Amino acid sequence: MKYVYHMVPKSMVGENLISLNEMKLSEPTLYENYAKKYFDHPDRPKLLAKSVPKLNCLWNDVIFLLPLHPYYIYEALNSIGSSVKKDLMFYKIPTERLLENKNAVFLYSKEKDNGPASEIPEDEVELIDIISYEECSSLPVDTYEYFKEGHKNGSQMGMFVYIPHILSLGSINVKDVERVIGVFHRKNELKMYWEILGSFK
């Protein structure tokens, strides 16, 4: 079975993950809480009106999902000595829960990222058949380098920068879905992975 991942919301009504714009209509109080994150930087409010190519919708019309287990993110941050919240939980969502939705991958490549105020390049979004989707098995090197630089400078870091995002247009039922934390159990595999990344230092 294949999976995508989504951080478990601190507050949620019902059993469906919904987009921020749908939340604005159905749960305005929750919307106000979750929309606050878009006002922590002068350019971030512009995301609220950003268009997503090929899906023909707005940024906040979709649900954002990770295509890799969060343990890759946690271990990267731990490896550079950055503190990580230990209580964050993620839904491990079977991709069959997305079959009724229109889905795409946002590549989020470093070389084409011009900040939240810029338009999303057409070639940064690819429509996907969720049936043929393959889960990622490693963290992008650009993400690891971003973590290292941010930790070195003591700057605030986003957890998901330069990681491809699965964008799902529609709601996602998470009833009885497994919840996971960012823990890596395969230590030998992890050691080998960091040795590979170390060659880019």
C-alpha atoms as a PDB file:
ATOM      1  CA  MET A   1       0.000   0.000   0.000  1.00  0.00           C
ATOM      2  CA  LYS A   2       1.181   3.534  -0.785  1.00  0.00           C
ATOM      3  CA  TYR A   3       0.850   6.527   1.518  1.00  0.00           C
ATOM      4  CA  VAL A   4       0.920  10.293   1.766  1.00  0.00           C
ATOM      5  CA  TYR A   5       1.361  12.183   5.036  1.00  0.00           C
ATOM      6  CA  HIS A   6      -0.331  15.155   6.665  1.00  0.00           C
ATOM      7  CA  MET A   7       0.302  16.737  10.044  1.00  0.00           C
ATOM      8  CA  VAL A   8      -2.542  15.967  12.449  1.00  0.00           C
ATOM      9  CA  PRO A   9      -4.385  19.258  13.082  1.00  0.00           C
ATOM     10  CA  LYS A  10      -4.519  20.535  16.646  1.00  0.00           C
ATOM     11  CA  SER A  11      -8.214  21.251  16.142  1.00  0.00           C
ATOM     12  CA  MET A  12     -10.507  19.497  13.701  1.00  0.00           C
ATOM     13  CA  VAL A  13     -14.241  19.108  13.157  1.00  0.00           C
ATOM     14  CA  GLY A  14     -15.459  15.813  11.712  1.00  0.00           C
ATOM     15  CA  GLU A  15     -13.402  13.108  10.006  1.00  0.00           C
ATOM     16  CA  ASN A  16     -12.391  14.875   6.795  1.00  0.00           C
ATOM     17  CA  LEU A  17      -9.353  16.984   6.030  1.00  0.00           C
ATOM     18  CA  ILE A  18     -10.531  20.022   4.096  1.00  0.00           C
ATOM     19  CA  SER A  19      -8.825  22.930   2.382  1.00  0.00           C
ATOM     20  CA  LEU A  20      -8.424  26.285   4.076  1.00  0.00           C
ATOM     21  CA  ASN A  21     -10.911  27.915   1.712  1.00  0.00           C
ATOM     22  CA  GLU A  22     -13.532  25.254   2.421  1.00  0.00           C
ATOM     23  CA  MET A  23     -12.845  25.714   6.126  1.00  0.00           C
ATOM     24  CA  LYS A  24     -13.475  29.442   5.728  1.00  0.00           C
ATOM     25  CA  LEU A  25     -17.042  28.655   4.678  1.00  0.00           C
ATOM     26  CA  SER A  26     -17.874  25.762   6.989  1.00  0.00           C
ATOM     27  CA  GLU A  27     -15.739  26.446  10.084  1.00  0.00           C
ATOM     28  CA  PRO A  28     -14.886  30.178  10.201  1.00  0.00           C
ATOM     29  CA  THR A  29     -13.478  30.051  13.738  1.00  0.00           C
ATOM     30  CA  LEU A  30     -11.048  27.284  12.814  1.00  0.00           C
ATOM     31  CA  TYR A  31     -10.193  29.164   9.639  1.00  0.00           C
ATOM     32  CA  GLU A  32      -9.130  32.229  11.616  1.00  0.00           C
ATOM     33  CA  ASN A  33      -6.780  30.087  13.708  1.00  0.00           C
ATOM     34  CA  TYR A  34      -5.157  28.330  10.763  1.00  0.00           C
ATOM     35  CA  ALA A  35      -4.947  31.407   8.526  1.00  0.00           C
ATOM     36  CA  LYS A  36      -2.748  33.198  11.075  1.00  0.00           C
ATOM     37  CA  LYS A  37       0.355  31.417   9.770  1.00  0.00           C
ATOM     38  CA  TYR A  38       0.055  33.370   6.529  1.00  0.00           C
ATOM     39  CA  PHE A  39       0.644  36.667   8.300  1.00  0.00           C
ATOM     40  CA  ASP A  40       4.046  35.945   9.872  1.00  0.00           C
ATOM     41  CA  HIS A  41       5.876  37.434   6.872  1.00  0.00           C
ATOM     42  CA  PRO A  42       5.021  40.429   4.626  1.00  0.00           C
ATOM     43  CA  ASP A  43       4.859  38.267   1.476  1.00  0.00           C
ATOM     44  CA  ARG A  44       3.006  35.246   2.873  1.00  0.00           C
ATOM     45  CA  PRO A  45      -0.523  36.757   2.731  1.00  0.00           C
ATOM     46  CA  LYS A  46      -0.111  36.734  -1.064  1.00  0.00           C
ATOM     47  CA  LEU A  47      -0.267  32.939  -0.917  1.00  0.00           C
ATOM     48  CA  LEU A  48      -3.966  33.262  -0.105  1.00  0.00           C
ATOM     49  CA  ALA A  49      -4.617  34.482  -3.652  1.00  0.00           C
ATOM     50  CA  LYS A  50      -1.966  32.444  -5.480  1.00  0.00           C
ATOM     51  CA  SER A  51      -3.136  30.316  -8.417  1.00  0.00           C
ATOM     52  CA  VAL A  52      -2.064  26.696  -8.876  1.00  0.00           C
ATOM     53  CA  PRO A  53      -1.325  25.882 -12.538  1.00  0.00           C
ATOM     54  CA  LYS A  54      -3.061  22.864 -14.109  1.00  0.00           C
ATOM     55  CA  LEU A  55      -5.336  22.338 -11.103  1.00  0.00           C
ATOM     56  CA  ASN A  56      -6.930  25.695 -11.975  1.00  0.00           C
ATOM     57  CA  CYS A  57      -7.597  26.604  -8.384  1.00  0.00           C
ATOM     58  CA  LEU A  58      -6.148  28.716  -5.595  1.00  0.00           C
ATOM     59  CA  TRP A  59      -3.364  27.701  -3.221  1.00  0.00           C
ATOM     60  CA  ASN A  60      -5.805  27.401  -0.336  1.00  0.00           C
ATOM     61  CA  ASP A  61      -8.263  25.273  -2.328  1.00  0.00           C
ATOM     62  CA  VAL A  62      -6.009  22.227  -1.991  1.00  0.00           C
ATOM     63  CA  ILE A  63      -4.814  19.980   0.827  1.00  0.00           C
ATOM     64  CA  PHE A  64      -1.020  19.776   1.108  1.00  0.00           C
ATOM     65  CA  LEU A  65       0.512  16.349   1.675  1.00  0.00           C
ATOM     66  CA  LEU A  66       4.013  14.982   2.098  1.00  0.00           C
ATOM     67  CA  PRO A  67       5.204  12.248  -0.288  1.00  0.00           C
ATOM     68  CA  LEU A  68       7.660  10.852   2.261  1.00  0.00           C
ATOM     69  CA  HIS A  69       7.585   9.648   5.855  1.00  0.00           C
ATOM     70  CA  PRO A  70       8.269  12.515   8.303  1.00  0.00           C
ATOM     71  CA  TYR A  71      11.113  10.568   9.929  1.00  0.00           C
ATOM     72  CA  TYR A  72      13.395  11.749   7.116  1.00  0.00           C
ATOM     73  CA  ILE A  73      12.737  15.345   8.171  1.00  0.00           C
ATOM     74  CA  TYR A  74      13.151  14.626  11.867  1.00  0.00           C
ATOM     75  CA  GLU A  75      16.415  12.764  11.415  1.00  0.00           C
ATOM     76  CA  ALA A  76      17.833  15.515   9.198  1.00  0.00           C
ATOM     77  CA  LEU A  77      17.077  18.137  11.838  1.00  0.00           C
ATOM     78  CA  ASN A  78      18.390  15.929  14.636  1.00  0.00           C
ATOM     79  CA  SER A  79      21.607  15.254  12.723  1.00  0.00           C
ATOM     80  CA  ILE A  80      22.518  18.956  12.627  1.00  0.00           C
ATOM     81  CA  GLY A  81      21.590  19.512  16.269  1.00  0.00           C
ATOM     82  CA  SER A  82      18.395  21.413  15.603  1.00  0.00           C
ATOM     83  CA  SER A  83      15.607  21.032  18.155  1.00  0.00           C
ATOM     84  CA  VAL A  84      12.490  19.259  16.935  1.00  0.00           C
ATOM     85  CA  LYS A  85       9.033  19.138  18.452  1.00  0.00           C
ATOM     86  CA  LYS A  86       8.578  15.585  19.713  1.00  0.00           C
ATOM     87  CA  ASP A  87       4.790  15.682  19.976  1.00  0.00           C
ATOM     88  CA  LEU A  88       3.946  16.284  16.317  1.00  0.00           C
ATOM     89  CA  MET A  89       1.823  13.529  14.814  1.00  0.00           C
ATOM     90  CA  PHE A  90       1.160  12.819  11.153  1.00  0.00           C
ATOM     91  CA  TYR A  91      -1.641  10.973   9.406  1.00  0.00           C
ATOM     92  CA  LYS A  92      -0.312   8.105   7.292  1.00  0.00           C
ATOM     93  CA  ILE A  93      -2.987   8.253   4.613  1.00  0.00           C
ATOM     94  CA  PRO A  94      -3.494   5.416   2.103  1.00  0.00           C
ATOM     95  CA  THR A  95      -3.540   6.910  -1.380  1.00  0.00           C
ATOM     96  CA  GLU A  96      -6.856   5.186  -2.059  1.00  0.00           C
ATOM     97  CA  ARG A  97      -8.397   7.927   0.098  1.00  0.00           C
ATOM     98  CA  LEU A  98      -7.473  10.408  -2.680  1.00  0.00           C
ATOM     99  CA  LEU A  99      -9.027   8.520  -5.591  1.00  0.00           C
ATOM    100  CA  GLU A 100     -12.020  10.854  -5.896  1.00  0.00           C
ATOM    101  CA  ASN A 101      -9.823  13.974  -5.894  1.00  0.00           C
ATOM    102  CA  LYS A 102      -7.844  15.751  -8.576  1.00  0.00           C
ATOM    103  CA  ASN A 103      -4.188  15.414  -7.577  1.00  0.00           C
ATOM    104  CA  ALA A 104      -0.894  16.993  -8.575  1.00  0.00           C
ATOM    105  CA  VAL A 105       2.686  17.224  -7.397  1.00  0.00           C
ATOM    106  CA  PHE A 106       4.241  20.620  -6.709  1.00  0.00           C
ATOM    107  CA  LEU A 107       7.951  20.012  -7.305  1.00  0.00           C
ATOM    108  CA  TYR A 108       9.084  22.928  -5.110  1.00  0.00           C
ATOM    109  CA  SER A 109      12.549  23.023  -6.672  1.00  0.00           C
ATOM    110  CA  LYS A 110      15.052  25.437  -5.162  1.00  0.00           C
ATOM    111  CA  GLU A 111      16.153  26.917  -8.486  1.00  0.00           C
ATOM    112  CA  LYS A 112      12.599  27.988  -9.336  1.00  0.00           C
ATOM    113  CA  ASP A 113      11.498  29.145  -5.901  1.00  0.00           C
ATOM    114  CA  ASN A 114      11.216  32.939  -5.920  1.00  0.00           C
ATOM    115  CA  GLY A 115       9.345  33.304  -2.652  1.00  0.00           C
ATOM    116  CA  PRO A 116       5.668  33.298  -1.647  1.00  0.00           C
ATOM    117  CA  ALA A 117       4.857  36.469  -3.589  1.00  0.00           C
ATOM    118  CA  SER A 118       5.845  34.983  -6.964  1.00  0.00           C
ATOM    119  CA  GLU A 119       3.689  32.984  -9.342  1.00  0.00           C
ATOM    120  CA  ILE A 120       4.111  29.207  -9.463  1.00  0.00           C
ATOM    121  CA  PRO A 121       5.867  28.241 -12.721  1.00  0.00           C
ATOM    122  CA  GLU A 122       3.734  26.024 -14.946  1.00  0.00           C
ATOM    123  CA  ASP A 123       6.377  23.301 -15.073  1.00  0.00           C
ATOM    124  CA  GLU A 124       6.586  23.121 -11.269  1.00  0.00           C
ATOM    125  CA  VAL A 125       3.169  21.424 -11.138  1.00  0.00           C
ATOM    126  CA  GLU A 126       2.450  18.007 -12.649  1.00  0.00           C
ATOM    127  CA  LEU A 127      -0.938  16.320 -12.626  1.00  0.00           C
ATOM    128  CA  ILE A 128      -0.660  12.761 -11.340  1.00  0.00           C
ATOM    129  CA  ASP A 129      -2.655   9.553 -11.340  1.00  0.00           C
ATOM    130  CA  ILE A 130      -2.677   8.716  -7.642  1.00  0.00           C
ATOM    131  CA  ILE A 131      -2.831   5.002  -8.501  1.00  0.00           C
ATOM    132  CA  SER A 132       0.657   5.151 -10.062  1.00  0.00           C
ATOM    133  CA  TYR A 133       2.070   7.475  -7.374  1.00  0.00           C
ATOM    134  CA  GLU A 134       5.317   6.325  -5.734  1.00  0.00           C
ATOM    135  CA  GLU A 135       6.298   7.393  -2.223  1.00  0.00           C
ATOM    136  CA  CYS A 136       9.663   9.197  -1.906  1.00  0.00           C
ATOM    137  CA  SER A 137      12.397   7.349  -0.034  1.00  0.00           C
ATOM    138  CA  SER A 138      14.853  10.166   0.701  1.00  0.00           C
ATOM    139  CA  LEU A 139      14.989  13.819   1.673  1.00  0.00           C
ATOM    140  CA  PRO A 140      16.016  16.250  -1.100  1.00  0.00           C
ATOM    141  CA  VAL A 141      19.610  17.406  -0.713  1.00  0.00           C
ATOM    142  CA  ASP A 142      18.480  21.035  -1.071  1.00  0.00           C
ATOM    143  CA  THR A 143      16.243  20.583   1.965  1.00  0.00           C
ATOM    144  CA  TYR A 144      19.107  19.195   4.016  1.00  0.00           C
ATOM    145  CA  GLU A 145      21.357  22.089   2.971  1.00  0.00           C
ATOM    146  CA  TYR A 146      18.580  24.545   3.841  1.00  0.00           C
ATOM    147  CA  PHE A 147      18.325  23.003   7.327  1.00  0.00           C
ATOM    148  CA  LYS A 148      22.096  23.225   7.820  1.00  0.00           C
ATOM    149  CA  GLU A 149      22.274  26.859   6.741  1.00  0.00           C
ATOM    150  CA  GLY A 150      19.256  27.846   8.820  1.00  0.00           C
ATOM    151  CA  HIS A 151      20.615  26.140  11.919  1.00  0.00           C
ATOM    152  CA  LYS A 152      24.035  27.727  11.415  1.00  0.00           C
ATOM    153  CA  ASN A 153      22.503  31.209  11.133  1.00  0.00           C
ATOM    154  CA  GLY A 154      19.965  30.670  13.896  1.00  0.00           C
ATOM    155  CA  SER A 155      17.132  31.603  11.552  1.00  0.00           C
ATOM    156  CA  GLN A 156      13.562  30.324  11.690  1.00  0.00           C
ATOM    157  CA  MET A 157      13.111  27.335   9.392  1.00  0.00           C
ATOM    158  CA  GLY A 158      10.176  25.746   7.662  1.00  0.00           C
ATOM    159  CA  MET A 159       9.980  21.962   8.024  1.00  0.00           C
ATOM    160  CA  PHE A 160       8.959  21.238   4.445  1.00  0.00           C
ATOM    161  CA  VAL A 161      11.057  23.612   2.311  1.00  0.00           C
ATOM    162  CA  TYR A 162      12.077  22.155  -1.090  1.00  0.00           C
ATOM    163  CA  ILE A 163      10.234  18.912  -0.412  1.00  0.00           C
ATOM    164  CA  PRO A 164       7.796  18.073  -3.234  1.00  0.00           C
ATOM    165  CA  HIS A 165       4.190  18.463  -2.110  1.00  0.00           C
ATOM    166  CA  ILE A 166       1.201  16.421  -3.191  1.00  0.00           C
ATOM    167  CA  LEU A 167      -1.692  18.817  -3.809  1.00  0.00           C
ATOM    168  CA  SER A 168      -5.130  17.245  -3.498  1.00  0.00           C
ATOM    169  CA  LEU A 169      -8.215  19.106  -4.657  1.00  0.00           C
ATOM    170  CA  GLY A 170     -11.082  17.761  -2.556  1.00  0.00           C
ATOM    171  CA  SER A 171     -11.614  16.505   0.981  1.00  0.00           C
ATOM    172  CA  ILE A 172      -9.834  13.470   2.471  1.00  0.00           C
ATOM    173  CA  ASN A 173     -11.473  11.144   4.960  1.00  0.00           C
ATOM    174  CA  VAL A 174      -9.056  10.182   7.749  1.00  0.00           C
ATOM    175  CA  LYS A 175     -11.326   7.956   9.827  1.00  0.00           C
ATOM    176  CA  ASP A 176      -9.242   5.131  11.381  1.00  0.00           C
ATOM    177  CA  VAL A 177      -6.088   6.322   9.581  1.00  0.00           C
ATOM    178  CA  GLU A 178      -2.820   5.432  11.326  1.00  0.00           C
ATOM    179  CA  ARG A 179      -0.944   8.227  13.091  1.00  0.00           C
ATOM    180  CA  VAL A 180       2.858   8.242  13.079  1.00  0.00           C
ATOM    181  CA  ILE A 181       5.702  10.289  14.528  1.00  0.00           C
ATOM    182  CA  GLY A 182       9.077  11.146  13.014  1.00  0.00           C
ATOM    183  CA  VAL A 183      11.073   8.157  14.247  1.00  0.00           C
ATOM    184  CA  PHE A 184      13.482   6.182  12.087  1.00  0.00           C
ATOM    185  CA  HIS A 185      13.858   2.542  13.154  1.00  0.00           C
ATOM    186  CA  ARG A 186      16.159   1.314  10.394  1.00  0.00           C
ATOM    187  CA  LYS A 187      19.436   2.558  11.889  1.00  0.00           C
ATOM    188  CA  ASN A 188      21.771   0.915   9.380  1.00  0.00           C
ATOM    189  CA  GLU A 189      19.813   2.362   6.489  1.00  0.00           C
ATOM    190  CA  LEU A 190      19.814   5.769   8.179  1.00  0.00           C
ATOM    191  CA  LYS A 191      23.604   5.661   8.688  1.00  0.00           C
ATOM    192  CA  MET A 192      24.118   4.872   5.020  1.00  0.00           C
ATOM    193  CA  TYR A 193      21.717   7.654   4.026  1.00  0.00           C
ATOM    194  CA  TRP A 194      23.597  10.303   6.028  1.00  0.00           C
ATOM    195  CA  GLU A 195      26.936   9.096   4.647  1.00  0.00           C
ATOM    196  CA  ILE A 196      25.558   9.763   1.168  1.00  0.00           C
ATOM    197  CA  LEU A 197      24.311  13.208   2.166  1.00  0.00           C
ATOM    198  CA  GLY A 198      27.653  13.907   3.830  1.00  0.00           C
ATOM    199  CA  SER A 199      29.329  13.851   0.430  1.00  0.00           C
ATOM    200  CA  PHE A 200      27.458  17.054  -0.422  1.00  0.00           C
ATOM    201  CA  LYS A 201      28.795  18.990   2.593  1.00  0.00           C
END
